[in-house]
C-alpha atoms as a PDB file:
ATOM      1  CA  MET A   1     135.255  81.566  48.060  1.00  0.00           C
ATOM      2  CA  ASN A   2     136.636  83.345  51.623  1.00  0.00           C
ATOM      3  CA  ASP A   3     140.010  84.718  51.136  1.00  0.00           C
ATOM      4  CA  LYS A   4     139.853  85.852  54.938  1.00  0.00           C
ATOM      5  CA  PRO A   5     143.129  84.409  56.877  1.00  0.00           C
ATOM      6  CA  THR A   6     141.704  81.784  59.573  1.00  0.00           C
ATOM      7  CA  THR A   7     142.522  82.020  63.145  1.00  0.00           C
ATOM      8  CA  THR A   8     142.213  79.492  66.140  1.00  0.00           C
ATOM      9  CA  SER A   9     141.169  80.467  69.483  1.00  0.00           C
ATOM     10  CA  THR A  10     141.037  77.651  72.846  1.00  0.00           C
ATOM     11  CA  ILE A  11     138.728  79.207  75.913  1.00  0.00           C
ATOM     12  CA  GLN A  12     139.180  76.758  78.931  1.00  0.00           C
ATOM     13  CA  LEU A  13     136.140  76.773  81.266  1.00  0.00           C
ATOM     14  CA  ALA A  14     136.271  76.292  85.051  1.00  0.00           C
ATOM     15  CA  SER A  15     134.078  73.275  84.797  1.00  0.00           C
ATOM     16  CA  ARG A  16     131.677  70.843  82.881  1.00  0.00           C
ATOM     17  CA  ASP A  17     129.000  71.963  84.841  1.00  0.00           C
ATOM     18  CA  GLU A  18     129.966  75.555  83.490  1.00  0.00           C
ATOM     19  CA  ALA A  19     130.251  74.455  80.109  1.00  0.00           C
ATOM     20  CA  LEU A  20     126.912  72.507  80.730  1.00  0.00           C
ATOM     21  CA  LEU A  21     125.750  75.693  81.002  1.00  0.00           C
ATOM     22  CA  LEU A  22     127.320  77.761  78.999  1.00  0.00           C
ATOM     23  CA  PHE A  23     126.475  75.376  75.738  1.00  0.00           C
ATOM     24  CA  GLY A  24     122.894  75.263  76.566  1.00  0.00           C
ATOM     25  CA  GLN A  25     120.445  71.949  76.178  1.00  0.00           C
ATOM     26  CA  ARG A  26     121.736  69.981  73.448  1.00  0.00           C
ATOM     27  CA  ASP A  27     124.633  72.633  72.645  1.00  0.00           C
ATOM     28  CA  VAL A  28     121.108  74.802  71.463  1.00  0.00           C
ATOM     29  CA  TYR A  29     123.427  78.081  72.729  1.00  0.00           C
ATOM     30  CA  LEU A  30     126.903  77.163  71.058  1.00  0.00           C
ATOM     31  CA  ARG A  31     124.748  77.156  67.592  1.00  0.00           C
ATOM     32  CA  MET A  32     123.168  80.136  67.840  1.00  0.00           C
ATOM     33  CA  ILE A  33     126.720  81.607  68.471  1.00  0.00           C
ATOM     34  CA  ARG A  34     128.198  79.281  65.545  1.00  0.00           C
ATOM     35  CA  ASP A  35     125.091  80.739  63.095  1.00  0.00           C
ATOM     36  CA  THR A  36     125.389  83.881  63.967  1.00  0.00           C
ATOM     37  CA  LEU A  37     128.771  84.764  63.728  1.00  0.00           C
ATOM     38  CA  SER A  38     129.852  82.227  61.461  1.00  0.00           C
ATOM     39  CA  VAL A  39     132.837  80.470  63.108  1.00  0.00           C
ATOM     40  CA  ARG A  40     133.033  76.957  63.824  1.00  0.00           C
ATOM     41  CA  LEU A  41     133.208  75.855  67.062  1.00  0.00           C
ATOM     42  CA  VAL A  42     134.240  72.225  68.372  1.00  0.00           C
ATOM     43  CA  ALA A  43     133.387  71.725  71.811  1.00  0.00           C
ATOM     44  CA  ARG A  44     135.423  69.049  74.315  1.00  0.00           C
ATOM     45  CA  GLY A  45     134.575  68.709  77.795  1.00  0.00           C
ATOM     46  CA  ASP A  46     135.340  71.900  79.582  1.00  0.00           C
ATOM     47  CA  THR A  47     137.045  73.317  76.238  1.00  0.00           C
ATOM     48  CA  ILE A  48     135.973  75.190  73.359  1.00  0.00           C
ATOM     49  CA  GLN A  49     137.657  75.729  70.152  1.00  0.00           C
ATOM     50  CA  ILE A  50     137.062  78.795  68.038  1.00  0.00           C
ATOM     51  CA  ASP A  51     138.003  78.752  64.476  1.00  0.00           C
ATOM     52  CA  GLY A  52     136.834  81.788  61.997  1.00  0.00           C
ATOM     53  CA  ASP A  53     138.280  85.066  60.588  1.00  0.00           C
ATOM     54  CA  GLU A  54     139.895  86.878  63.280  1.00  0.00           C
ATOM     55  CA  GLU A  55     137.224  89.412  63.695  1.00  0.00           C
ATOM     56  CA  ALA A  56     134.648  86.806  63.580  1.00  0.00           C
ATOM     57  CA  VAL A  57     136.759  84.860  66.573  1.00  0.00           C
ATOM     58  CA  ASN A  58     137.129  88.069  68.397  1.00  0.00           C
ATOM     59  CA  LYS A  59     133.715  88.481  68.368  1.00  0.00           C
ATOM     60  CA  ALA A  60     132.549  84.840  69.595  1.00  0.00           C
ATOM     61  CA  GLU A  61     135.397  85.195  72.753  1.00  0.00           C
ATOM     62  CA  ARG A  62     133.566  88.597  73.941  1.00  0.00           C
ATOM     63  CA  VAL A  63     130.514  86.341  73.607  1.00  0.00           C
ATOM     64  CA  PHE A  64     131.805  83.821  75.625  1.00  0.00           C
ATOM     65  CA  GLN A  65     133.480  86.525  77.851  1.00  0.00           C
ATOM     66  CA  GLN A  66     130.378  88.077  78.608  1.00  0.00           C
ATOM     67  CA  LEU A  67     128.319  84.778  78.966  1.00  0.00           C
ATOM     68  CA  ARG A  68     130.262  83.595  81.334  1.00  0.00           C
ATOM     69  CA  GLN A  69     130.244  86.666  83.572  1.00  0.00           C
ATOM     70  CA  MET A  70     126.473  86.290  83.488  1.00  0.00           C
ATOM     71  CA  LEU A  71     126.594  83.059  84.466  1.00  0.00           C
ATOM     72  CA  ARG A  72     128.516  84.166  87.481  1.00  0.00           C
ATOM     73  CA  GLN A  73     125.863  86.123  88.377  1.00  0.00           C
ATOM     74  CA  GLN A  74     123.142  83.934  88.385  1.00  0.00           C
ATOM     75  CA  GLU A  75     122.236  80.092  87.772  1.00  0.00           C
ATOM     76  CA  GLN A  76     121.503  80.016  84.079  1.00  0.00           C
ATOM     77  CA  ILE A  77     120.947  81.879  80.944  1.00  0.00           C
ATOM     78  CA  THR A  78     118.529  82.056  78.697  1.00  0.00           C
ATOM     79  CA  PRO A  79     118.101  81.710  75.139  1.00  0.00           C
ATOM     80  CA  GLU A  80     116.894  85.571  74.678  1.00  0.00           C
ATOM     81  CA  GLU A  81     119.634  86.489  77.063  1.00  0.00           C
ATOM     82  CA  VAL A  82     122.577  84.643  74.147  1.00  0.00           C
ATOM     83  CA  ARG A  83     120.518  86.660  71.543  1.00  0.00           C
ATOM     84  CA  THR A  84     121.035  89.914  73.159  1.00  0.00           C
ATOM     85  CA  VAL A  85     124.731  89.823  74.064  1.00  0.00           C
ATOM     86  CA  LEU A  86     124.943  88.379  70.459  1.00  0.00           C
ATOM     87  CA  GLU A  87     123.345  91.550  69.200  1.00  0.00           C
ATOM     88  CA  ILE A  88     125.122  93.946  71.371  1.00  0.00           C
ATOM     89  CA  VAL A  89     128.259  92.474  70.425  1.00  0.00           C
ATOM     90  CA  GLN A  90     127.634  92.335  66.843  1.00  0.00           C
ATOM     91  CA  HIS A  91     126.778  96.156  66.821  1.00  0.00           C
ATOM     92  CA  GLY A  92     130.094  97.160  69.077  1.00  0.00           C
ATOM     93  CA  GLY A  93     128.165  97.288  72.552  1.00  0.00           C
ATOM     94  CA  GLU A  94     130.607  94.790  73.438  1.00  0.00           C
ATOM     95  CA  ARG A  95     132.580  97.972  74.806  1.00  0.00           C
ATOM     96  CA  THR A  96     130.837  98.574  77.535  1.00  0.00           C
ATOM     97  CA  SER A  97     130.322  96.391  80.172  1.00  0.00           C
ATOM     98  CA  PRO A  98     127.386  94.070  80.661  1.00  0.00           C
ATOM     99  CA  GLN A  99     126.798  95.026  84.339  1.00  0.00           C
ATOM    100  CA  SER A 100     126.981  98.602  83.356  1.00  0.00           C
ATOM    101  CA  LEU A 101     124.169  97.875  81.090  1.00  0.00           C
ATOM    102  CA  THR A 102     122.014  95.816  83.396  1.00  0.00           C
ATOM    103  CA  VAL A 103     118.804  96.826  84.715  1.00  0.00           C
ATOM    104  CA  GLN A 104     117.907  93.981  87.118  1.00  0.00           C
ATOM    105  CA  ASN A 105     114.389  93.313  88.640  1.00  0.00           C
ATOM    106  CA  ALA A 106     113.442  90.707  90.834  1.00  0.00           C
ATOM    107  CA  ARG A 107     113.438  87.694  88.708  1.00  0.00           C
ATOM    108  CA  ARG A 108     115.720  88.301  85.838  1.00  0.00           C
ATOM    109  CA  MET A 109     118.252  90.493  84.103  1.00  0.00           C
ATOM    110  CA  ILE A 110     116.792  92.960  81.771  1.00  0.00           C
ATOM    111  CA  ARG A 111     119.670  93.596  79.308  1.00  0.00           C
ATOM    112  CA  PRO A 112     119.199  95.799  76.089  1.00  0.00           C
ATOM    113  CA  ARG A 113     118.901  93.697  73.303  1.00  0.00           C
ATOM    114  CA  THR A 114     120.327  96.321  70.757  1.00  0.00           C
ATOM    115  CA  ASP A 115     123.271  98.629  70.414  1.00  0.00           C
ATOM    116  CA  GLY A 116     120.773 101.403  70.319  1.00  0.00           C
ATOM    117  CA  GLN A 117     118.927 100.450  73.404  1.00  0.00           C
ATOM    118  CA  ALA A 118     122.355 100.042  74.898  1.00  0.00           C
ATOM    119  CA  ARG A 119     123.192 103.275  74.772  1.00  0.00           C
ATOM    120  CA  TYR A 120     119.478 104.634  75.767  1.00  0.00           C
ATOM    121  CA  VAL A 121     120.143 102.608  79.282  1.00  0.00           C
ATOM    122  CA  GLN A 122     123.721 104.208  79.533  1.00  0.00           C
ATOM    123  CA  ALA A 123     121.965 107.684  78.683  1.00  0.00           C
ATOM    124  CA  MET A 124     119.310 107.334  81.713  1.00  0.00           C
ATOM    125  CA  ARG A 125     122.240 105.813  84.147  1.00  0.00           C
ATOM    126  CA  ASP A 126     124.217 108.814  82.982  1.00  0.00           C
ATOM    127  CA  ASN A 127     122.115 111.504  82.701  1.00  0.00           C
ATOM    128  CA  ASP A 128     119.150 113.643  84.653  1.00  0.00           C
ATOM    129  CA  VAL A 129     117.199 113.849  81.772  1.00  0.00           C
ATOM    130  CA  THR A 130     116.494 111.673  79.002  1.00  0.00           C
ATOM    131  CA  LEU A 131     114.309 112.345  75.739  1.00  0.00           C
ATOM    132  CA  CYS A 132     114.256 108.919  73.871  1.00  0.00           C
ATOM    133  CA  VAL A 133     112.470 108.954  70.800  1.00  0.00           C
ATOM    134  CA  GLY A 134     111.913 105.932  68.759  1.00  0.00           C
ATOM    135  CA  PRO A 135     108.776 103.589  66.639  1.00  0.00           C
ATOM    136  CA  ALA A 136     106.737 101.255  68.230  1.00  0.00           C
ATOM    137  CA  GLY A 137     108.584  98.571  69.936  1.00  0.00           C
ATOM    138  CA  THR A 138     111.887  99.594  70.574  1.00  0.00           C
ATOM    139  CA  GLY A 139     111.686  99.198  74.463  1.00  0.00           C
ATOM    140  CA  LYS A 140     111.557 102.957  75.199  1.00  0.00           C
ATOM    141  CA  SER A 141     108.630 102.532  78.083  1.00  0.00           C
ATOM    142  CA  TYR A 142     109.862  99.443  79.209  1.00  0.00           C
ATOM    143  CA  LEU A 143     113.634 100.313  79.697  1.00  0.00           C
ATOM    144  CA  ALA A 144     112.708 103.238  81.173  1.00  0.00           C
ATOM    145  CA  VAL A 145     110.272 101.603  83.844  1.00  0.00           C
ATOM    146  CA  GLY A 146     113.282  99.118  84.282  1.00  0.00           C
ATOM    147  CA  MET A 147     115.468 101.957  85.130  1.00  0.00           C
ATOM    148  CA  ALA A 148     112.880 103.226  87.841  1.00  0.00           C
ATOM    149  CA  VAL A 149     112.589 100.485  89.760  1.00  0.00           C
ATOM    150  CA  ASN A 150     116.091  99.516  89.970  1.00  0.00           C
ATOM    151  CA  LEU A 151     116.737 103.187  91.165  1.00  0.00           C
ATOM    152  CA  LEU A 152     113.779 102.405  93.804  1.00  0.00           C
ATOM    153  CA  ARG A 153     115.551  99.502  94.601  1.00  0.00           C
ATOM    154  CA  GLN A 154     118.975 100.933  94.939  1.00  0.00           C
ATOM    155  CA  GLY A 155     117.781 103.980  97.192  1.00  0.00           C
ATOM    156  CA  ALA A 156     118.713 106.295  94.484  1.00  0.00           C
ATOM    157  CA  ALA A 157     114.963 107.333  94.174  1.00  0.00           C
ATOM    158  CA  LYS A 158     112.240 107.333  96.420  1.00  0.00           C
ATOM    159  CA  ARG A 159     109.453 107.470  94.590  1.00  0.00           C
ATOM    160  CA  ILE A 160     108.367 106.376  90.860  1.00  0.00           C
ATOM    161  CA  VAL A 161     105.643 108.936  89.248  1.00  0.00           C
ATOM    162  CA  LEU A 162     104.198 107.611  85.818  1.00  0.00           C
ATOM    163  CA  VAL A 163     102.781 110.392  83.831  1.00  0.00           C
ATOM    164  CA  ARG A 164     100.969 110.167  80.418  1.00  0.00           C
ATOM    165  CA  PRO A 165      99.123 112.825  78.068  1.00  0.00           C
ATOM    166  CA  ALA A 166      95.498 112.130  77.980  1.00  0.00           C
ATOM    167  CA  VAL A 167      95.105 112.608  74.075  1.00  0.00           C
ATOM    168  CA  GLU A 168      94.555 109.315  72.745  1.00  0.00           C
ATOM    169  CA  ALA A 169      92.137 109.906  69.652  1.00  0.00           C
ATOM    170  CA  GLY A 170      90.947 112.966  71.182  1.00  0.00           C
ATOM    171  CA  GLU A 171      89.227 111.673  73.773  1.00  0.00           C
ATOM    172  CA  LYS A 172      89.298 113.683  77.355  1.00  0.00           C
ATOM    173  CA  LEU A 173      89.367 112.221  80.945  1.00  0.00           C
ATOM    174  CA  GLY A 174      85.954 113.751  82.092  1.00  0.00           C
ATOM    175  CA  TYR A 175      84.367 111.269  79.482  1.00  0.00           C
ATOM    176  CA  LEU A 176      85.294 108.357  81.202  1.00  0.00           C
ATOM    177  CA  PRO A 177      83.914 106.549  84.255  1.00  0.00           C
ATOM    178  CA  GLY A 178      85.473 106.068  87.484  1.00  0.00           C
ATOM    179  CA  ASP A 179      87.578 108.063  89.670  1.00  0.00           C
ATOM    180  CA  LEU A 180      91.364 109.738  88.429  1.00  0.00           C
ATOM    181  CA  ILE A 181      93.019 106.443  88.895  1.00  0.00           C
ATOM    182  CA  ALA A 182      90.450 104.203  86.820  1.00  0.00           C
ATOM    183  CA  LYS A 183      90.163 107.481  84.361  1.00  0.00           C
ATOM    184  CA  ILE A 184      93.758 107.174  83.540  1.00  0.00           C
ATOM    185  CA  ASN A 185      94.604 103.624  84.068  1.00  0.00           C
ATOM    186  CA  PRO A 186      93.858 102.958  80.417  1.00  0.00           C
ATOM    187  CA  TYR A 187      96.309 105.675  78.915  1.00  0.00           C
ATOM    188  CA  LEU A 188      98.852 104.337  81.147  1.00  0.00           C
ATOM    189  CA  ARG A 189      98.452 100.731  80.668  1.00  0.00           C
ATOM    190  CA  PRO A 190     101.906  99.970  79.123  1.00  0.00           C
ATOM    191  CA  LEU A 191     103.632 101.480  82.118  1.00  0.00           C
ATOM    192  CA  PHE A 192     101.779  98.734  84.382  1.00  0.00           C
ATOM    193  CA  ASP A 193     102.570  95.715  82.129  1.00  0.00           C
ATOM    194  CA  ALA A 194     106.138  96.708  82.375  1.00  0.00           C
ATOM    195  CA  LEU A 195     106.284  97.435  86.364  1.00  0.00           C
ATOM    196  CA  ASN A 196     104.137  94.048  86.936  1.00  0.00           C
ATOM    197  CA  GLU A 197     106.454  92.157  85.107  1.00  0.00           C
ATOM    198  CA  MET A 198     108.925  93.988  87.055  1.00  0.00           C
ATOM    199  CA  MET A 199     107.564  93.854  90.676  1.00  0.00           C
ATOM    200  CA  GLU A 200     104.554  91.332  92.255  1.00  0.00           C
ATOM    201  CA  PRO A 201     101.347  92.867  91.849  1.00  0.00           C
ATOM    202  CA  GLU A 202     100.730  93.216  95.261  1.00  0.00           C
ATOM    203  CA  GLN A 203     103.803  94.902  95.522  1.00  0.00           C
ATOM    204  CA  VAL A 204     102.771  97.264  92.824  1.00  0.00           C
ATOM    205  CA  ARG A 205      99.836  97.655  94.619  1.00  0.00           C
ATOM    206  CA  ARG A 206     100.956  98.381  97.727  1.00  0.00           C
ATOM    207  CA  TYR A 207     103.356 101.067  96.600  1.00  0.00           C
ATOM    208  CA  MET A 208     100.688 102.572  94.580  1.00  0.00           C
ATOM    209  CA  GLU A 209      98.485 103.016  98.341  1.00  0.00           C
ATOM    210  CA  ASN A 210     101.661 104.564 100.068  1.00  0.00           C
ATOM    211  CA  ASP A 211     102.726 106.275  97.089  1.00  0.00           C
ATOM    212  CA  VAL A 212     105.388 105.388  96.292  1.00  0.00           C
ATOM    213  CA  ILE A 213     104.458 104.726  93.026  1.00  0.00           C
ATOM    214  CA  GLU A 214     102.611 107.743  91.595  1.00  0.00           C
ATOM    215  CA  ILE A 215      99.995 107.827  88.765  1.00  0.00           C
ATOM    216  CA  ALA A 216      99.353 111.335  87.505  1.00  0.00           C
ATOM    217  CA  PRO A 217      97.952 112.811  84.022  1.00  0.00           C
ATOM    218  CA  LEU A 218     100.085 115.278  82.858  1.00  0.00           C
ATOM    219  CA  ALA A 219      97.667 118.293  83.669  1.00  0.00           C
ATOM    220  CA  TYR A 220      98.112 117.421  87.121  1.00  0.00           C
ATOM    221  CA  MET A 221     101.803 117.991  87.278  1.00  0.00           C
ATOM    222  CA  ARG A 222     101.768 121.770  87.201  1.00  0.00           C
ATOM    223  CA  GLY A 223     102.854 123.517  90.380  1.00  0.00           C
ATOM    224  CA  ARG A 224     104.751 120.952  91.773  1.00  0.00           C
ATOM    225  CA  THR A 225     108.307 120.122  92.682  1.00  0.00           C
ATOM    226  CA  LEU A 226     109.271 116.215  92.536  1.00  0.00           C
ATOM    227  CA  ASN A 227     112.097 115.794  94.964  1.00  0.00           C
ATOM    228  CA  ASN A 228     114.336 112.274  94.978  1.00  0.00           C
ATOM    229  CA  ALA A 229     112.220 110.722  92.177  1.00  0.00           C
ATOM    230  CA  ALA A 230     111.997 108.614  88.935  1.00  0.00           C
ATOM    231  CA  ILE A 231     109.523 110.363  86.569  1.00  0.00           C
ATOM    232  CA  ILE A 232     108.553 109.116  83.372  1.00  0.00           C
ATOM    233  CA  LEU A 233     106.915 110.841  80.810  1.00  0.00           C
ATOM    234  CA  ASP A 234     105.196 108.250  78.075  1.00  0.00           C
ATOM    235  CA  GLU A 235     103.698 109.308  74.600  1.00  0.00           C
ATOM    236  CA  GLY A 236     106.141 112.610  74.863  1.00  0.00           C
ATOM    237  CA  GLN A 237     105.186 113.285  71.395  1.00  0.00           C
ATOM    238  CA  ASN A 238     101.344 113.999  72.544  1.00  0.00           C
ATOM    239  CA  THR A 239     102.238 117.193  74.714  1.00  0.00           C
ATOM    240  CA  THR A 240     102.601 120.357  73.372  1.00  0.00           C
ATOM    241  CA  VAL A 241     105.504 123.077  74.113  1.00  0.00           C
ATOM    242  CA  PRO A 242     104.030 125.024  76.988  1.00  0.00           C
ATOM    243  CA  GLN A 243     102.882 121.101  78.467  1.00  0.00           C
ATOM    244  CA  MET A 244     106.492 119.761  77.929  1.00  0.00           C
ATOM    245  CA  LYS A 245     108.309 123.002  79.210  1.00  0.00           C
ATOM    246  CA  MET A 246     105.769 122.491  82.805  1.00  0.00           C
ATOM    247  CA  PHE A 247     106.905 118.994  82.900  1.00  0.00           C
ATOM    248  CA  LEU A 248     110.386 119.506  82.425  1.00  0.00           C
ATOM    249  CA  THR A 249     110.345 122.165  85.422  1.00  0.00           C
ATOM    250  CA  ARG A 250     108.788 120.072  87.706  1.00  0.00           C
ATOM    251  CA  MET A 251     112.302 118.554  88.489  1.00  0.00           C
ATOM    252  CA  GLY A 252     113.629 118.773  91.741  1.00  0.00           C
ATOM    253  CA  ASN A 253     117.040 117.500  93.602  1.00  0.00           C
ATOM    254  CA  ASN A 254     118.410 114.204  93.423  1.00  0.00           C
ATOM    255  CA  SER A 255     115.495 112.694  90.744  1.00  0.00           C
ATOM    256  CA  LYS A 256     115.724 111.969  87.235  1.00  0.00           C
ATOM    257  CA  ILE A 257     113.198 112.287  84.069  1.00  0.00           C
ATOM    258  CA  ILE A 258     113.008 109.822  81.478  1.00  0.00           C
ATOM    259  CA  VAL A 259     110.828 111.331  78.331  1.00  0.00           C
ATOM    260  CA  THR A 260     109.643 109.121  75.778  1.00  0.00           C
ATOM    261  CA  GLY A 261     107.796 108.698  72.566  1.00  0.00           C
ATOM    262  CA  ASP A 262     107.443 108.430  68.765  1.00  0.00           C
ATOM    263  CA  ILE A 263     107.344 111.602  67.031  1.00  0.00           C
ATOM    264  CA  THR A 264     105.682 109.607  63.583  1.00  0.00           C
ATOM    265  CA  GLN A 265     102.737 109.118  65.738  1.00  0.00           C
ATOM    266  CA  VAL A 266     101.424 112.688  67.377  1.00  0.00           C
ATOM    267  CA  ASP A 267      97.733 112.771  67.978  1.00  0.00           C
ATOM    268  CA  LEU A 268      97.475 116.962  68.413  1.00  0.00           C
ATOM    269  CA  PRO A 269      95.389 119.137  66.370  1.00  0.00           C
ATOM    270  CA  ARG A 270      97.395 119.287  63.117  1.00  0.00           C
ATOM    271  CA  MET A 271      98.295 123.128  63.687  1.00  0.00           C
ATOM    272  CA  MET A 272      99.675 122.136  67.048  1.00  0.00           C
ATOM    273  CA  ARG A 273     103.695 121.678  67.570  1.00  0.00           C
ATOM    274  CA  SER A 274     104.683 118.919  69.560  1.00  0.00           C
ATOM    275  CA  GLY A 275     106.683 119.420  72.624  1.00  0.00           C
ATOM    276  CA  LEU A 276     108.861 116.085  72.103  1.00  0.00           C
ATOM    277  CA  ILE A 277     109.975 117.113  68.691  1.00  0.00           C
ATOM    278  CA  ASP A 278     110.384 120.647  69.976  1.00  0.00           C
ATOM    279  CA  ALA A 279     112.316 119.758  72.888  1.00  0.00           C
ATOM    280  CA  VAL A 280     114.677 117.410  70.810  1.00  0.00           C
ATOM    281  CA  HIS A 281     116.088 120.435  68.938  1.00  0.00           C
ATOM    282  CA  ARG A 282     115.322 123.170  71.646  1.00  0.00           C
ATOM    283  CA  LEU A 283     117.415 120.861  74.312  1.00  0.00           C
ATOM    284  CA  ARG A 284     120.118 119.408  72.637  1.00  0.00           C
ATOM    285  CA  ASN A 285     122.900 121.468  73.507  1.00  0.00           C
ATOM    286  CA  ILE A 286     122.289 121.066  77.303  1.00  0.00           C
ATOM    287  CA  ASP A 287     124.423 119.033  79.567  1.00  0.00           C
ATOM    288  CA  ARG A 288     123.360 116.202  81.803  1.00  0.00           C
ATOM    289  CA  LEU A 289     120.328 116.092  79.427  1.00  0.00           C
ATOM    290  CA  ALA A 290     120.222 113.331  76.522  1.00  0.00           C
ATOM    291  CA  ILE A 291     118.635 112.709  73.520  1.00  0.00           C
ATOM    292  CA  VAL A 292     118.516 108.796  72.281  1.00  0.00           C
ATOM    293  CA  HIS A 293     117.210 108.386  68.987  1.00  0.00           C
ATOM    294  CA  LEU A 294     116.027 104.791  68.383  1.00  0.00           C
ATOM    295  CA  ASN A 295     114.985 103.504  65.064  1.00  0.00           C
ATOM    296  CA  GLU A 296     113.243 100.266  62.880  1.00  0.00           C
ATOM    297  CA  HIS A 297     116.797  98.054  64.190  1.00  0.00           C
ATOM    298  CA  ASP A 298     116.041  98.619  67.674  1.00  0.00           C
ATOM    299  CA  ILE A 299     112.812  96.879  67.113  1.00  0.00           C
ATOM    300  CA  VAL A 300     112.422  93.887  69.891  1.00  0.00           C
ATOM    301  CA  ARG A 301     108.761  93.126  69.154  1.00  0.00           C
ATOM    302  CA  HIS A 302     107.285  90.564  66.536  1.00  0.00           C
ATOM    303  CA  PRO A 303     109.788  90.625  63.488  1.00  0.00           C
ATOM    304  CA  LEU A 304     106.849  91.826  61.340  1.00  0.00           C
ATOM    305  CA  VAL A 305     106.619  94.997  63.300  1.00  0.00           C
ATOM    306  CA  GLN A 306     110.410  96.000  62.019  1.00  0.00           C
ATOM    307  CA  ARG A 307     109.174  95.592  58.140  1.00  0.00           C
ATOM    308  CA  ILE A 308     105.858  97.565  59.381  1.00  0.00           C
ATOM    309  CA  VAL A 309     107.882 100.265  60.631  1.00  0.00           C
ATOM    310  CA  LYS A 310     109.944 100.716  57.604  1.00  0.00           C
ATOM    311  CA  ALA A 311     106.808 100.314  54.805  1.00  0.00           C
ATOM    312  CA  TYR A 312     104.942 103.398  56.845  1.00  0.00           C
ATOM    313  CA  GLU A 313     108.394 105.331  56.840  1.00  0.00           C
ATOM    314  CA  GLU A 314     109.156 104.668  53.140  1.00  0.00           C
ATOM    315  CA  LYS A 315     105.323 105.818  51.758  1.00  0.00           C
ATOM    316  CA  ALA A 316     106.094 109.154  54.604  1.00  0.00           C
ATOM    317  CA  LYS A 317     109.095 109.876  52.320  1.00  0.00           C
END
């Protein structure tokens, strides 16, 4: 039996139209909120009554507050966005305003779906260099690309530079057919997929032709200085220590660097230390440089991925 005292709160909406959008088709969003937070919801016209223990009612109020703010910014909300708000509120991310955690693309709002992702987005906003370490499926690369596109659209960056070490399964670029772009393309496919979700493919091609978006293997970064750029190094765990130092020191004025990687999937020779692992320890006390750790709770792919990652981590212990 639940001994927690119950409390009641009433929310008055602006109109019946707002209520229809907020409740979802056949009240699907209300049911999601009710089942996730274990509260009782009674909707009558443009009024919502919330009953439950005080903490759950407070969370429900914050969920409705954030969803209403989203509706003021866009015409509708999606089930994914409702889940996102619920997850952030449950894990304490509600204390950060939704707008400060938003990466906006041309078609929809891309929002962190976990508390860890929320910290990651905030770190990218607040720092010049962000190192993000986490397992597959945690949105490391996707959110990095979203941030870079957002900076480009806002005029805070004049170009996007996508970099990745070509170490996959020991295969070297020289053995692959085609020109430089054709050779590096398979290694950067995850970043391209994210770009094409956030921008029209024709715009991506045009930006690449005009060097607004540049792709480069890590080896080609030596000797350069990149000003006014959003620079992403993906699969950073496959850099050596000298390569990571070389890459990080390419940053020029008004630029941001984002490095992503999974330190459990290093493809370097066994005796060679990963540059990302080294950087996480070496650079942890530098101002304006953030290190974000994501874990299996931040995985937003198929639910089975979370269990697979956890099983491998337990086996490694």
